[in-house]
Amino acid sequence: MSTCATDSRNLGEPMPGTAATASTWLLLEQAGPWGAKALTSSHLDPVLGRALEAAAKDTGVRIALIRRPGRHADPGMPPPVRHVYAAHTAPGNAWLHTATTTDPARLLDLDFAALGRGEHRGFDTALRGGPHTGDPLALVCTNGKRDRCCALLGRPLAAELAASGVQGVWEVTHLGGHRFSPTVLVLPQGYVYGRAEAHTVKEVLHGVQEGRVVVDGCRGRSAWERPGQAAELAVRRATGEDRAEALGIVLTTGGAPRWEVTVAHTDGRHWRVVVAQGASEPPRAESCGASVLGSPARLDVVAVRELAVAGVG
């Protein structure tokens, strides 16, 4: 049995493990302004928004709205044809499918439970969709009504990426981790990046095309809960493994403020990672709009230990 330990203070900022979580993403194009709860406070019919929220509840599917980068004068009218994407982010079954629709209510025809399990056949049938054949998607959070950091920092990043010719760039509603804005979700892998800059996003997208993960600035894979996100990245840092599909989370035990996470490699190796929750110090603003300082929760990787095969389970 070999052992390695990783001090979380050496992982660099931003700390991993506070990224958005979802095994499957469902993205609907919606132009115009977004409110804090975009599905029910945008030009999307709020009745439809509430129905979609109810349909996706407890299925592992997270619904977000997207729009093209640029100025957003309120057009008042929806686009005649909308892009729809579905992406499953679990290693070994990561995929990105796309469709277009003139009627967003068609999304209610989807089997959300099956979609959350990673089955795309129903999406393809209901919306006449199919595999996305273009560049990977870079979804930049710009939901300023949720937190103004996202508008102040995210919208310029999305505009810069689009202006430089990067394909697959969209603005997206709230991802989480807004104090690390600008935040970017990359699909189909599902990794989220914080405090992103245009050159790093381009590097990340190039890595996606090669099946690699860029660890610098990464906040975790959205397929995992927060402790798993931190644990997977810690193993990547300890081993130098950058293949996106090489690692998975097979077991998480414990609960806040301490977890033990077992990370598995496709070659049979396993690691036990200890993750602890603490408070960020010194006190800081938790978002751009915060009027008082706080101590937001952070996850620290206490140790990374490779297990002998007999010690797994």
C-alpha atoms as a PDB file:
ATOM      1  CA  MET A   1       0.000   0.000   0.000  1.00  0.00           C
ATOM      2  CA  SER A   2       1.368   3.395  -0.934  1.00  0.00           C
ATOM      3  CA  THR A   3       0.483   6.585   0.868  1.00  0.00           C
ATOM      4  CA  CYS A   4       0.496  10.221  -0.115  1.00  0.00           C
ATOM      5  CA  ALA A   5      -0.875  13.187   1.793  1.00  0.00           C
ATOM      6  CA  THR A   6      -2.121  16.452   0.353  1.00  0.00           C
ATOM      7  CA  ASP A   7      -2.361  19.594   2.479  1.00  0.00           C
ATOM      8  CA  SER A   8      -5.394  21.526   1.286  1.00  0.00           C
ATOM      9  CA  ARG A   9      -3.602  24.820   1.760  1.00  0.00           C
ATOM     10  CA  ASN A  10      -1.367  23.866  -1.147  1.00  0.00           C
ATOM     11  CA  LEU A  11      -4.258  23.226  -3.520  1.00  0.00           C
ATOM     12  CA  GLY A  12      -4.491  26.896  -4.351  1.00  0.00           C
ATOM     13  CA  GLU A  13      -7.486  29.179  -4.582  1.00  0.00           C
ATOM     14  CA  PRO A  14     -10.261  28.919  -5.408  1.00  0.00           C
ATOM     15  CA  MET A  15     -10.790  25.850  -3.226  1.00  0.00           C
ATOM     16  CA  PRO A  16     -12.523  22.951  -4.997  1.00  0.00           C
ATOM     17  CA  GLY A  17     -15.792  21.478  -3.936  1.00  0.00           C
ATOM     18  CA  THR A  18     -18.245  24.366  -4.249  1.00  0.00           C
ATOM     19  CA  ALA A  19     -19.266  23.882  -7.846  1.00  0.00           C
ATOM     20  CA  ALA A  20     -22.773  23.310  -9.156  1.00  0.00           C
ATOM     21  CA  THR A  21     -24.030  19.761  -8.738  1.00  0.00           C
ATOM     22  CA  ALA A  22     -26.084  17.867 -11.300  1.00  0.00           C
ATOM     23  CA  SER A  23     -25.654  14.545 -13.038  1.00  0.00           C
ATOM     24  CA  THR A  24     -27.646  15.842 -16.028  1.00  0.00           C
ATOM     25  CA  TRP A  25     -28.099  19.364 -17.365  1.00  0.00           C
ATOM     26  CA  LEU A  26     -31.063  20.502 -19.448  1.00  0.00           C
ATOM     27  CA  LEU A  27     -30.477  23.865 -21.128  1.00  0.00           C
ATOM     28  CA  LEU A  28     -33.161  25.959 -22.821  1.00  0.00           C
ATOM     29  CA  GLU A  29     -32.461  29.073 -24.859  1.00  0.00           C
ATOM     30  CA  GLN A  30     -34.329  32.070 -23.454  1.00  0.00           C
ATOM     31  CA  ALA A  31     -33.477  35.585 -24.611  1.00  0.00           C
ATOM     32  CA  GLY A  32     -34.100  38.736 -22.638  1.00  0.00           C
ATOM     33  CA  PRO A  33     -33.632  39.488 -18.947  1.00  0.00           C
ATOM     34  CA  TRP A  34     -33.458  36.875 -16.193  1.00  0.00           C
ATOM     35  CA  GLY A  35     -34.618  37.312 -12.620  1.00  0.00           C
ATOM     36  CA  ALA A  36     -33.072  35.735  -9.536  1.00  0.00           C
ATOM     37  CA  LYS A  37     -35.149  32.575 -10.112  1.00  0.00           C
ATOM     38  CA  ALA A  38     -34.878  32.567 -13.859  1.00  0.00           C
ATOM     39  CA  LEU A  39     -37.323  29.762 -14.684  1.00  0.00           C
ATOM     40  CA  THR A  40     -40.158  31.789 -13.178  1.00  0.00           C
ATOM     41  CA  SER A  41     -38.822  35.329 -13.574  1.00  0.00           C
ATOM     42  CA  SER A  42     -37.942  35.730 -17.237  1.00  0.00           C
ATOM     43  CA  HIS A  43     -39.889  35.903 -20.494  1.00  0.00           C
ATOM     44  CA  LEU A  44     -40.407  32.153 -20.183  1.00  0.00           C
ATOM     45  CA  ASP A  45     -44.013  31.458 -19.193  1.00  0.00           C
ATOM     46  CA  PRO A  46     -43.840  31.201 -15.371  1.00  0.00           C
ATOM     47  CA  VAL A  47     -46.481  28.469 -15.386  1.00  0.00           C
ATOM     48  CA  LEU A  48     -44.202  26.438 -17.646  1.00  0.00           C
ATOM     49  CA  GLY A  49     -41.209  27.326 -15.480  1.00  0.00           C
ATOM     50  CA  ARG A  50     -42.911  25.998 -12.346  1.00  0.00           C
ATOM     51  CA  ALA A  51     -43.982  22.844 -14.194  1.00  0.00           C
ATOM     52  CA  LEU A  52     -40.414  22.215 -15.349  1.00  0.00           C
ATOM     53  CA  GLU A  53     -39.087  22.721 -11.820  1.00  0.00           C
ATOM     54  CA  ALA A  54     -41.614  20.193 -10.519  1.00  0.00           C
ATOM     55  CA  ALA A  55     -40.825  17.683 -13.277  1.00  0.00           C
ATOM     56  CA  ALA A  56     -37.080  17.849 -12.602  1.00  0.00           C
ATOM     57  CA  LYS A  57     -37.276  17.645  -8.803  1.00  0.00           C
ATOM     58  CA  ASP A  58     -35.280  14.760  -7.302  1.00  0.00           C
ATOM     59  CA  THR A  59     -34.382  13.360 -10.741  1.00  0.00           C
ATOM     60  CA  GLY A  60     -30.753  14.492 -10.938  1.00  0.00           C
ATOM     61  CA  VAL A  61     -31.650  16.902 -13.753  1.00  0.00           C
ATOM     62  CA  ARG A  62     -30.843  20.576 -13.367  1.00  0.00           C
ATOM     63  CA  ILE A  63     -32.555  23.020 -15.724  1.00  0.00           C
ATOM     64  CA  ALA A  64     -30.875  26.271 -16.728  1.00  0.00           C
ATOM     65  CA  LEU A  65     -31.600  29.004 -19.242  1.00  0.00           C
ATOM     66  CA  ILE A  66     -29.023  30.084 -21.821  1.00  0.00           C
ATOM     67  CA  ARG A  67     -28.661  32.988 -24.230  1.00  0.00           C
ATOM     68  CA  ARG A  68     -26.097  34.190 -26.717  1.00  0.00           C
ATOM     69  CA  PRO A  69     -23.448  36.638 -25.468  1.00  0.00           C
ATOM     70  CA  GLY A  70     -23.888  40.298 -26.291  1.00  0.00           C
ATOM     71  CA  ARG A  71     -26.187  43.178 -25.513  1.00  0.00           C
ATOM     72  CA  HIS A  72     -29.534  42.182 -24.106  1.00  0.00           C
ATOM     73  CA  ALA A  73     -32.014  44.844 -25.021  1.00  0.00           C
ATOM     74  CA  ASP A  74     -35.372  43.429 -24.021  1.00  0.00           C
ATOM     75  CA  PRO A  75     -36.913  42.178 -27.319  1.00  0.00           C
ATOM     76  CA  GLY A  76     -40.240  41.323 -25.711  1.00  0.00           C
ATOM     77  CA  MET A  77     -40.679  38.421 -28.116  1.00  0.00           C
ATOM     78  CA  PRO A  78     -39.054  34.986 -27.797  1.00  0.00           C
ATOM     79  CA  PRO A  79     -36.825  33.651 -30.587  1.00  0.00           C
ATOM     80  CA  PRO A  80     -38.901  31.649 -33.097  1.00  0.00           C
ATOM     81  CA  VAL A  81     -36.588  28.639 -32.767  1.00  0.00           C
ATOM     82  CA  ARG A  82     -34.800  27.826 -29.537  1.00  0.00           C
ATOM     83  CA  HIS A  83     -31.758  25.666 -28.911  1.00  0.00           C
ATOM     84  CA  VAL A  84     -32.070  22.927 -26.320  1.00  0.00           C
ATOM     85  CA  TYR A  85     -29.186  20.880 -24.907  1.00  0.00           C
ATOM     86  CA  ALA A  86     -29.099  17.877 -22.618  1.00  0.00           C
ATOM     87  CA  ALA A  87     -25.818  16.702 -21.116  1.00  0.00           C
ATOM     88  CA  HIS A  88     -24.986  13.829 -18.796  1.00  0.00           C
ATOM     89  CA  THR A  89     -21.726  14.358 -16.918  1.00  0.00           C
ATOM     90  CA  ALA A  90     -20.948  11.052 -15.181  1.00  0.00           C
ATOM     91  CA  PRO A  91     -17.608   9.460 -16.187  1.00  0.00           C
ATOM     92  CA  GLY A  92     -18.043   6.525 -18.527  1.00  0.00           C
ATOM     93  CA  ASN A  93     -21.356   7.854 -19.818  1.00  0.00           C
ATOM     94  CA  ALA A  94     -20.742  11.532 -20.538  1.00  0.00           C
ATOM     95  CA  TRP A  95     -22.683  12.830 -23.539  1.00  0.00           C
ATOM     96  CA  LEU A  96     -24.096  16.014 -25.011  1.00  0.00           C
ATOM     97  CA  HIS A  97     -27.194  15.995 -27.226  1.00  0.00           C
ATOM     98  CA  THR A  98     -28.973  18.910 -28.851  1.00  0.00           C
ATOM     99  CA  ALA A  99     -32.283  19.808 -30.451  1.00  0.00           C
ATOM    100  CA  THR A 100     -34.299  22.839 -31.480  1.00  0.00           C
ATOM    101  CA  THR A 101     -37.903  23.644 -30.691  1.00  0.00           C
ATOM    102  CA  THR A 102     -40.486  26.307 -31.405  1.00  0.00           C
ATOM    103  CA  ASP A 103     -42.460  25.317 -28.309  1.00  0.00           C
ATOM    104  CA  PRO A 104     -40.561  25.078 -25.001  1.00  0.00           C
ATOM    105  CA  ALA A 105     -43.557  23.297 -23.440  1.00  0.00           C
ATOM    106  CA  ARG A 106     -42.351  20.236 -25.364  1.00  0.00           C
ATOM    107  CA  LEU A 107     -39.757  19.809 -22.626  1.00  0.00           C
ATOM    108  CA  LEU A 108     -42.562  18.555 -20.378  1.00  0.00           C
ATOM    109  CA  ASP A 109     -42.754  15.487 -22.656  1.00  0.00           C
ATOM    110  CA  LEU A 110     -39.341  14.372 -21.419  1.00  0.00           C
ATOM    111  CA  ASP A 111     -38.864  11.477 -19.013  1.00  0.00           C
ATOM    112  CA  PHE A 112     -36.817  13.398 -16.447  1.00  0.00           C
ATOM    113  CA  ALA A 113     -36.059  10.343 -14.330  1.00  0.00           C
ATOM    114  CA  ALA A 114     -34.564   8.548 -17.346  1.00  0.00           C
ATOM    115  CA  LEU A 115     -32.657  11.677 -18.331  1.00  0.00           C
ATOM    116  CA  GLY A 116     -31.206  11.892 -14.828  1.00  0.00           C
ATOM    117  CA  ARG A 117     -30.046   8.280 -15.129  1.00  0.00           C
ATOM    118  CA  GLY A 118     -28.106   9.169 -18.251  1.00  0.00           C
ATOM    119  CA  GLU A 119     -30.539   7.895 -20.896  1.00  0.00           C
ATOM    120  CA  HIS A 120     -30.790  10.213 -23.916  1.00  0.00           C
ATOM    121  CA  ARG A 121     -33.168   8.187 -26.097  1.00  0.00           C
ATOM    122  CA  GLY A 122     -36.244   9.937 -24.724  1.00  0.00           C
ATOM    123  CA  PHE A 123     -34.721  13.369 -25.348  1.00  0.00           C
ATOM    124  CA  ASP A 124     -33.942  12.437 -28.940  1.00  0.00           C
ATOM    125  CA  THR A 125     -37.438  11.044 -29.502  1.00  0.00           C
ATOM    126  CA  ALA A 126     -39.432  13.829 -27.842  1.00  0.00           C
ATOM    127  CA  LEU A 127     -37.474  16.712 -29.382  1.00  0.00           C
ATOM    128  CA  ARG A 128     -36.044  15.035 -32.497  1.00  0.00           C
ATOM    129  CA  GLY A 129     -32.612  15.595 -31.076  1.00  0.00           C
ATOM    130  CA  GLY A 130     -29.273  13.915 -31.566  1.00  0.00           C
ATOM    131  CA  PRO A 131     -25.610  14.048 -30.560  1.00  0.00           C
ATOM    132  CA  HIS A 132     -23.993  17.481 -30.515  1.00  0.00           C
ATOM    133  CA  THR A 133     -21.291  17.462 -33.171  1.00  0.00           C
ATOM    134  CA  GLY A 134     -19.841  20.928 -32.637  1.00  0.00           C
ATOM    135  CA  ASP A 135     -17.306  22.257 -30.169  1.00  0.00           C
ATOM    136  CA  PRO A 136     -17.771  21.704 -26.429  1.00  0.00           C
ATOM    137  CA  LEU A 137     -19.968  24.217 -24.641  1.00  0.00           C
ATOM    138  CA  ALA A 138     -18.599  26.957 -22.386  1.00  0.00           C
ATOM    139  CA  LEU A 139     -21.458  28.263 -20.247  1.00  0.00           C
ATOM    140  CA  VAL A 140     -20.592  31.504 -18.466  1.00  0.00           C
ATOM    141  CA  CYS A 141     -22.804  32.460 -15.523  1.00  0.00           C
ATOM    142  CA  THR A 142     -24.143  35.980 -16.090  1.00  0.00           C
ATOM    143  CA  ASN A 143     -27.242  35.972 -13.866  1.00  0.00           C
ATOM    144  CA  GLY A 144     -26.733  39.387 -12.304  1.00  0.00           C
ATOM    145  CA  LYS A 145     -30.115  39.364 -10.569  1.00  0.00           C
ATOM    146  CA  ARG A 146     -28.921  36.359  -8.546  1.00  0.00           C
ATOM    147  CA  ASP A 147     -25.572  37.994  -7.818  1.00  0.00           C
ATOM    148  CA  ARG A 148     -24.176  41.046  -9.520  1.00  0.00           C
ATOM    149  CA  CYS A 149     -20.683  39.483  -9.595  1.00  0.00           C
ATOM    150  CA  CYS A 150     -21.965  37.282 -12.383  1.00  0.00           C
ATOM    151  CA  ALA A 151     -23.033  40.223 -14.540  1.00  0.00           C
ATOM    152  CA  LEU A 152     -20.040  42.444 -13.745  1.00  0.00           C
ATOM    153  CA  LEU A 153     -17.462  39.725 -14.389  1.00  0.00           C
ATOM    154  CA  GLY A 154     -19.252  37.032 -16.375  1.00  0.00           C
ATOM    155  CA  ARG A 155     -20.747  39.057 -19.192  1.00  0.00           C
ATOM    156  CA  PRO A 156     -17.419  40.631 -20.261  1.00  0.00           C
ATOM    157  CA  LEU A 157     -15.819  37.178 -20.258  1.00  0.00           C
ATOM    158  CA  ALA A 158     -18.580  35.694 -22.417  1.00  0.00           C
ATOM    159  CA  ALA A 159     -18.352  38.637 -24.818  1.00  0.00           C
ATOM    160  CA  GLU A 160     -14.565  38.354 -25.054  1.00  0.00           C
ATOM    161  CA  LEU A 161     -14.717  34.638 -25.783  1.00  0.00           C
ATOM    162  CA  ALA A 162     -17.372  35.099 -28.459  1.00  0.00           C
ATOM    163  CA  ALA A 163     -15.522  38.023 -30.053  1.00  0.00           C
ATOM    164  CA  SER A 164     -12.322  35.972 -30.254  1.00  0.00           C
ATOM    165  CA  GLY A 165     -14.110  33.278 -32.257  1.00  0.00           C
ATOM    166  CA  VAL A 166     -14.577  30.631 -29.561  1.00  0.00           C
ATOM    167  CA  GLN A 167     -17.486  28.439 -30.559  1.00  0.00           C
ATOM    168  CA  GLY A 168     -20.005  27.029 -28.115  1.00  0.00           C
ATOM    169  CA  VAL A 169     -20.073  30.042 -25.779  1.00  0.00           C
ATOM    170  CA  TRP A 170     -23.372  30.796 -24.045  1.00  0.00           C
ATOM    171  CA  GLU A 171     -24.447  32.882 -21.099  1.00  0.00           C
ATOM    172  CA  VAL A 172     -26.215  30.773 -18.474  1.00  0.00           C
ATOM    173  CA  THR A 173     -28.312  31.304 -15.380  1.00  0.00           C
ATOM    174  CA  HIS A 174     -27.051  30.706 -11.843  1.00  0.00           C
ATOM    175  CA  LEU A 175     -24.390  27.991 -11.457  1.00  0.00           C
ATOM    176  CA  GLY A 176     -23.418  28.505  -7.818  1.00  0.00           C
ATOM    177  CA  GLY A 177     -20.115  29.606  -6.309  1.00  0.00           C
ATOM    178  CA  HIS A 178     -20.708  33.184  -7.419  1.00  0.00           C
ATOM    179  CA  ARG A 179     -18.061  34.555  -5.054  1.00  0.00           C
ATOM    180  CA  PHE A 180     -15.592  32.910  -7.450  1.00  0.00           C
ATOM    181  CA  SER A 181     -17.017  34.710 -10.482  1.00  0.00           C
ATOM    182  CA  PRO A 182     -16.703  34.517 -13.345  1.00  0.00           C
ATOM    183  CA  THR A 183     -17.732  30.859 -13.223  1.00  0.00           C
ATOM    184  CA  VAL A 184     -17.858  28.635 -16.301  1.00  0.00           C
ATOM    185  CA  LEU A 185     -19.472  25.220 -16.792  1.00  0.00           C
ATOM    186  CA  VAL A 186     -17.910  23.120 -19.563  1.00  0.00           C
ATOM    187  CA  LEU A 187     -19.979  20.410 -21.234  1.00  0.00           C
ATOM    188  CA  PRO A 188     -20.079  17.492 -21.825  1.00  0.00           C
ATOM    189  CA  GLN A 189     -17.490  16.809 -19.091  1.00  0.00           C
ATOM    190  CA  GLY A 190     -19.353  18.932 -16.548  1.00  0.00           C
ATOM    191  CA  TYR A 191     -16.346  20.556 -14.873  1.00  0.00           C
ATOM    192  CA  VAL A 192     -16.845  24.027 -13.407  1.00  0.00           C
ATOM    193  CA  TYR A 193     -14.133  26.705 -13.311  1.00  0.00           C
ATOM    194  CA  GLY A 194     -13.915  29.724 -11.042  1.00  0.00           C
ATOM    195  CA  ARG A 195     -12.315  33.139 -11.501  1.00  0.00           C
ATOM    196  CA  ALA A 196     -11.970  32.200 -15.133  1.00  0.00           C
ATOM    197  CA  GLU A 197     -10.125  34.237 -17.736  1.00  0.00           C
ATOM    198  CA  ALA A 198     -10.461  33.956 -21.493  1.00  0.00           C
ATOM    199  CA  HIS A 199      -7.090  32.305 -22.064  1.00  0.00           C
ATOM    200  CA  THR A 200      -7.748  29.666 -19.404  1.00  0.00           C
ATOM    201  CA  VAL A 201     -11.204  28.888 -20.823  1.00  0.00           C
ATOM    202  CA  LYS A 202      -9.635  28.386 -24.247  1.00  0.00           C
ATOM    203  CA  GLU A 203      -7.087  26.017 -22.705  1.00  0.00           C
ATOM    204  CA  VAL A 204      -9.875  24.136 -20.930  1.00  0.00           C
ATOM    205  CA  LEU A 205     -11.901  23.753 -24.141  1.00  0.00           C
ATOM    206  CA  HIS A 206      -8.845  22.514 -26.014  1.00  0.00           C
ATOM    207  CA  GLY A 207      -8.355  19.968 -23.242  1.00  0.00           C
ATOM    208  CA  VAL A 208     -11.973  18.804 -23.524  1.00  0.00           C
ATOM    209  CA  GLN A 209     -11.454  18.056 -27.210  1.00  0.00           C
ATOM    210  CA  GLU A 210      -8.518  15.852 -26.223  1.00  0.00           C
ATOM    211  CA  GLY A 211     -10.378  14.210 -23.343  1.00  0.00           C
ATOM    212  CA  ARG A 212      -8.272  15.993 -20.725  1.00  0.00           C
ATOM    213  CA  VAL A 213      -9.091  17.995 -17.601  1.00  0.00           C
ATOM    214  CA  VAL A 214      -7.310  21.247 -16.795  1.00  0.00           C
ATOM    215  CA  VAL A 215      -7.062  21.239 -12.999  1.00  0.00           C
ATOM    216  CA  ASP A 216      -5.944  24.842 -12.449  1.00  0.00           C
ATOM    217  CA  GLY A 217      -8.971  26.909 -11.476  1.00  0.00           C
ATOM    218  CA  CYS A 218     -11.240  23.863 -11.544  1.00  0.00           C
ATOM    219  CA  ARG A 219     -13.930  23.669  -8.873  1.00  0.00           C
ATOM    220  CA  GLY A 220     -15.056  20.128  -9.547  1.00  0.00           C
ATOM    221  CA  ARG A 221     -17.172  17.891 -11.749  1.00  0.00           C
ATOM    222  CA  SER A 222     -20.870  18.611 -11.408  1.00  0.00           C
ATOM    223  CA  ALA A 223     -21.720  14.898 -11.389  1.00  0.00           C
ATOM    224  CA  TRP A 224     -20.407  14.691  -7.797  1.00  0.00           C
ATOM    225  CA  GLU A 225     -21.530  16.248  -4.546  1.00  0.00           C
ATOM    226  CA  ARG A 226     -19.157  18.782  -3.007  1.00  0.00           C
ATOM    227  CA  PRO A 227     -16.949  16.341  -1.026  1.00  0.00           C
ATOM    228  CA  GLY A 228     -16.551  14.170  -4.121  1.00  0.00           C
ATOM    229  CA  GLN A 229     -15.626  17.184  -6.219  1.00  0.00           C
ATOM    230  CA  ALA A 230     -12.848  18.095  -3.797  1.00  0.00           C
ATOM    231  CA  ALA A 231     -11.650  14.503  -3.495  1.00  0.00           C
ATOM    232  CA  GLU A 232     -11.429  13.843  -7.222  1.00  0.00           C
ATOM    233  CA  LEU A 233      -9.425  17.003  -7.834  1.00  0.00           C
ATOM    234  CA  ALA A 234      -7.105  16.168  -4.952  1.00  0.00           C
ATOM    235  CA  VAL A 235      -6.304  12.787  -6.515  1.00  0.00           C
ATOM    236  CA  ARG A 236      -5.679  14.464  -9.859  1.00  0.00           C
ATOM    237  CA  ARG A 237      -3.241  16.865  -8.226  1.00  0.00           C
ATOM    238  CA  ALA A 238      -1.503  14.085  -6.309  1.00  0.00           C
ATOM    239  CA  THR A 239      -1.109  11.779  -9.318  1.00  0.00           C
ATOM    240  CA  GLY A 240      -1.016  14.106 -12.322  1.00  0.00           C
ATOM    241  CA  GLU A 241      -3.900  12.184 -13.926  1.00  0.00           C
ATOM    242  CA  ASP A 242      -5.629  14.478 -16.435  1.00  0.00           C
ATOM    243  CA  ARG A 243      -7.781  12.068 -18.467  1.00  0.00           C
ATOM    244  CA  ALA A 244     -11.370  13.108 -17.919  1.00  0.00           C
ATOM    245  CA  GLU A 245     -12.858   9.619 -17.760  1.00  0.00           C
ATOM    246  CA  ALA A 246     -10.120   8.035 -15.659  1.00  0.00           C
ATOM    247  CA  LEU A 247     -11.494   8.775 -12.181  1.00  0.00           C
ATOM    248  CA  GLY A 248     -14.815   8.222 -10.456  1.00  0.00           C
ATOM    249  CA  ILE A 249     -16.325   8.444  -6.981  1.00  0.00           C
ATOM    250  CA  VAL A 250     -17.384   5.023  -5.702  1.00  0.00           C
ATOM    251  CA  LEU A 251     -18.162   5.704  -2.040  1.00  0.00           C
ATOM    252  CA  THR A 252     -18.684   8.660   0.284  1.00  0.00           C
ATOM    253  CA  THR A 253     -19.118   8.113   4.021  1.00  0.00           C
ATOM    254  CA  GLY A 254     -19.579  10.489   6.923  1.00  0.00           C
ATOM    255  CA  GLY A 255     -21.184  13.881   6.858  1.00  0.00           C
ATOM    256  CA  ALA A 256     -20.483  17.496   7.619  1.00  0.00           C
ATOM    257  CA  PRO A 257     -17.997  18.499   8.824  1.00  0.00           C
ATOM    258  CA  ARG A 258     -15.925  15.442   7.768  1.00  0.00           C
ATOM    259  CA  TRP A 259     -16.210  12.918   4.968  1.00  0.00           C
ATOM    260  CA  GLU A 260     -14.179   9.998   3.647  1.00  0.00           C
ATOM    261  CA  VAL A 261     -14.387   9.652  -0.123  1.00  0.00           C
ATOM    262  CA  THR A 262     -13.148   6.671  -2.127  1.00  0.00           C
ATOM    263  CA  VAL A 263     -11.906   7.624  -5.589  1.00  0.00           C
ATOM    264  CA  ALA A 264     -11.398   4.869  -8.178  1.00  0.00           C
ATOM    265  CA  HIS A 265      -9.220   4.813 -11.294  1.00  0.00           C
ATOM    266  CA  THR A 266     -10.214   2.831 -14.356  1.00  0.00           C
ATOM    267  CA  ASP A 267      -6.945   0.882 -13.990  1.00  0.00           C
ATOM    268  CA  GLY A 268      -8.080  -0.509 -10.617  1.00  0.00           C
ATOM    269  CA  ARG A 269      -6.293   1.837  -8.213  1.00  0.00           C
ATOM    270  CA  HIS A 270      -8.255   3.413  -5.356  1.00  0.00           C
ATOM    271  CA  TRP A 271      -7.661   6.302  -2.970  1.00  0.00           C
ATOM    272  CA  ARG A 272      -9.254   7.260   0.332  1.00  0.00           C
ATOM    273  CA  VAL A 273      -9.584  11.032   0.612  1.00  0.00           C
ATOM    274  CA  VAL A 274     -10.490  12.818   3.847  1.00  0.00           C
ATOM    275  CA  VAL A 275     -12.412  16.066   3.301  1.00  0.00           C
ATOM    276  CA  ALA A 276     -13.211  18.478   6.131  1.00  0.00           C
ATOM    277  CA  GLN A 277     -15.543  21.469   6.179  1.00  0.00           C
ATOM    278  CA  GLY A 278     -14.457  24.664   7.853  1.00  0.00           C
ATOM    279  CA  ALA A 279     -15.029  28.398   7.739  1.00  0.00           C
ATOM    280  CA  SER A 280     -13.111  30.700   5.436  1.00  0.00           C
ATOM    281  CA  GLU A 281     -10.820  33.096   7.242  1.00  0.00           C
ATOM    282  CA  PRO A 282     -10.430  36.015   7.480  1.00  0.00           C
ATOM    283  CA  PRO A 283     -14.088  37.123   7.194  1.00  0.00           C
ATOM    284  CA  ARG A 284     -15.014  38.241   3.685  1.00  0.00           C
ATOM    285  CA  ALA A 285     -17.962  39.307   1.578  1.00  0.00           C
ATOM    286  CA  GLU A 286     -19.808  36.206   0.394  1.00  0.00           C
ATOM    287  CA  SER A 287     -20.999  37.923  -2.781  1.00  0.00           C
ATOM    288  CA  CYS A 288     -20.792  41.245  -4.603  1.00  0.00           C
ATOM    289  CA  GLY A 289     -24.089  42.328  -3.083  1.00  0.00           C
ATOM    290  CA  ALA A 290     -23.277  41.392   0.512  1.00  0.00           C
ATOM    291  CA  SER A 291     -23.351  44.327   2.937  1.00  0.00           C
ATOM    292  CA  VAL A 292     -21.633  42.481   5.799  1.00  0.00           C
ATOM    293  CA  LEU A 293     -18.636  40.197   6.042  1.00  0.00           C
ATOM    294  CA  GLY A 294     -19.101  36.504   6.695  1.00  0.00           C
ATOM    295  CA  SER A 295     -17.173  33.240   6.939  1.00  0.00           C
ATOM    296  CA  PRO A 296     -18.461  31.103   4.048  1.00  0.00           C
ATOM    297  CA  ALA A 297     -17.950  27.351   4.320  1.00  0.00           C
ATOM    298  CA  ARG A 298     -14.933  25.851   2.597  1.00  0.00           C
ATOM    299  CA  LEU A 299     -13.841  22.285   2.014  1.00  0.00           C
ATOM    300  CA  ASP A 300     -10.278  21.255   2.846  1.00  0.00           C
ATOM    301  CA  VAL A 301      -8.653  18.023   1.709  1.00  0.00           C
ATOM    302  CA  VAL A 302      -6.932  16.719   4.830  1.00  0.00           C
ATOM    303  CA  ALA A 303      -5.276  13.638   3.329  1.00  0.00           C
ATOM    304  CA  VAL A 304      -5.058  11.496   0.200  1.00  0.00           C
ATOM    305  CA  ARG A 305      -4.099   7.851   0.721  1.00  0.00           C
ATOM    306  CA  GLU A 306      -3.758   5.208  -1.969  1.00  0.00           C
ATOM    307  CA  LEU A 307      -5.309   1.891  -0.939  1.00  0.00           C
ATOM    308  CA  ALA A 308      -4.086  -1.617  -1.534  1.00  0.00           C
ATOM    309  CA  VAL A 309      -6.554  -3.550  -3.682  1.00  0.00           C
ATOM    310  CA  ALA A 310      -7.496  -5.732  -0.720  1.00  0.00           C
ATOM    311  CA  GLY A 311      -8.345  -2.649   1.320  1.00  0.00           C
ATOM    312  CA  VAL A 312     -11.066  -1.429  -0.990  1.00  0.00           C
ATOM    313  CA  GLY A 313     -14.683  -1.801   0.022  1.00  0.00           C
END
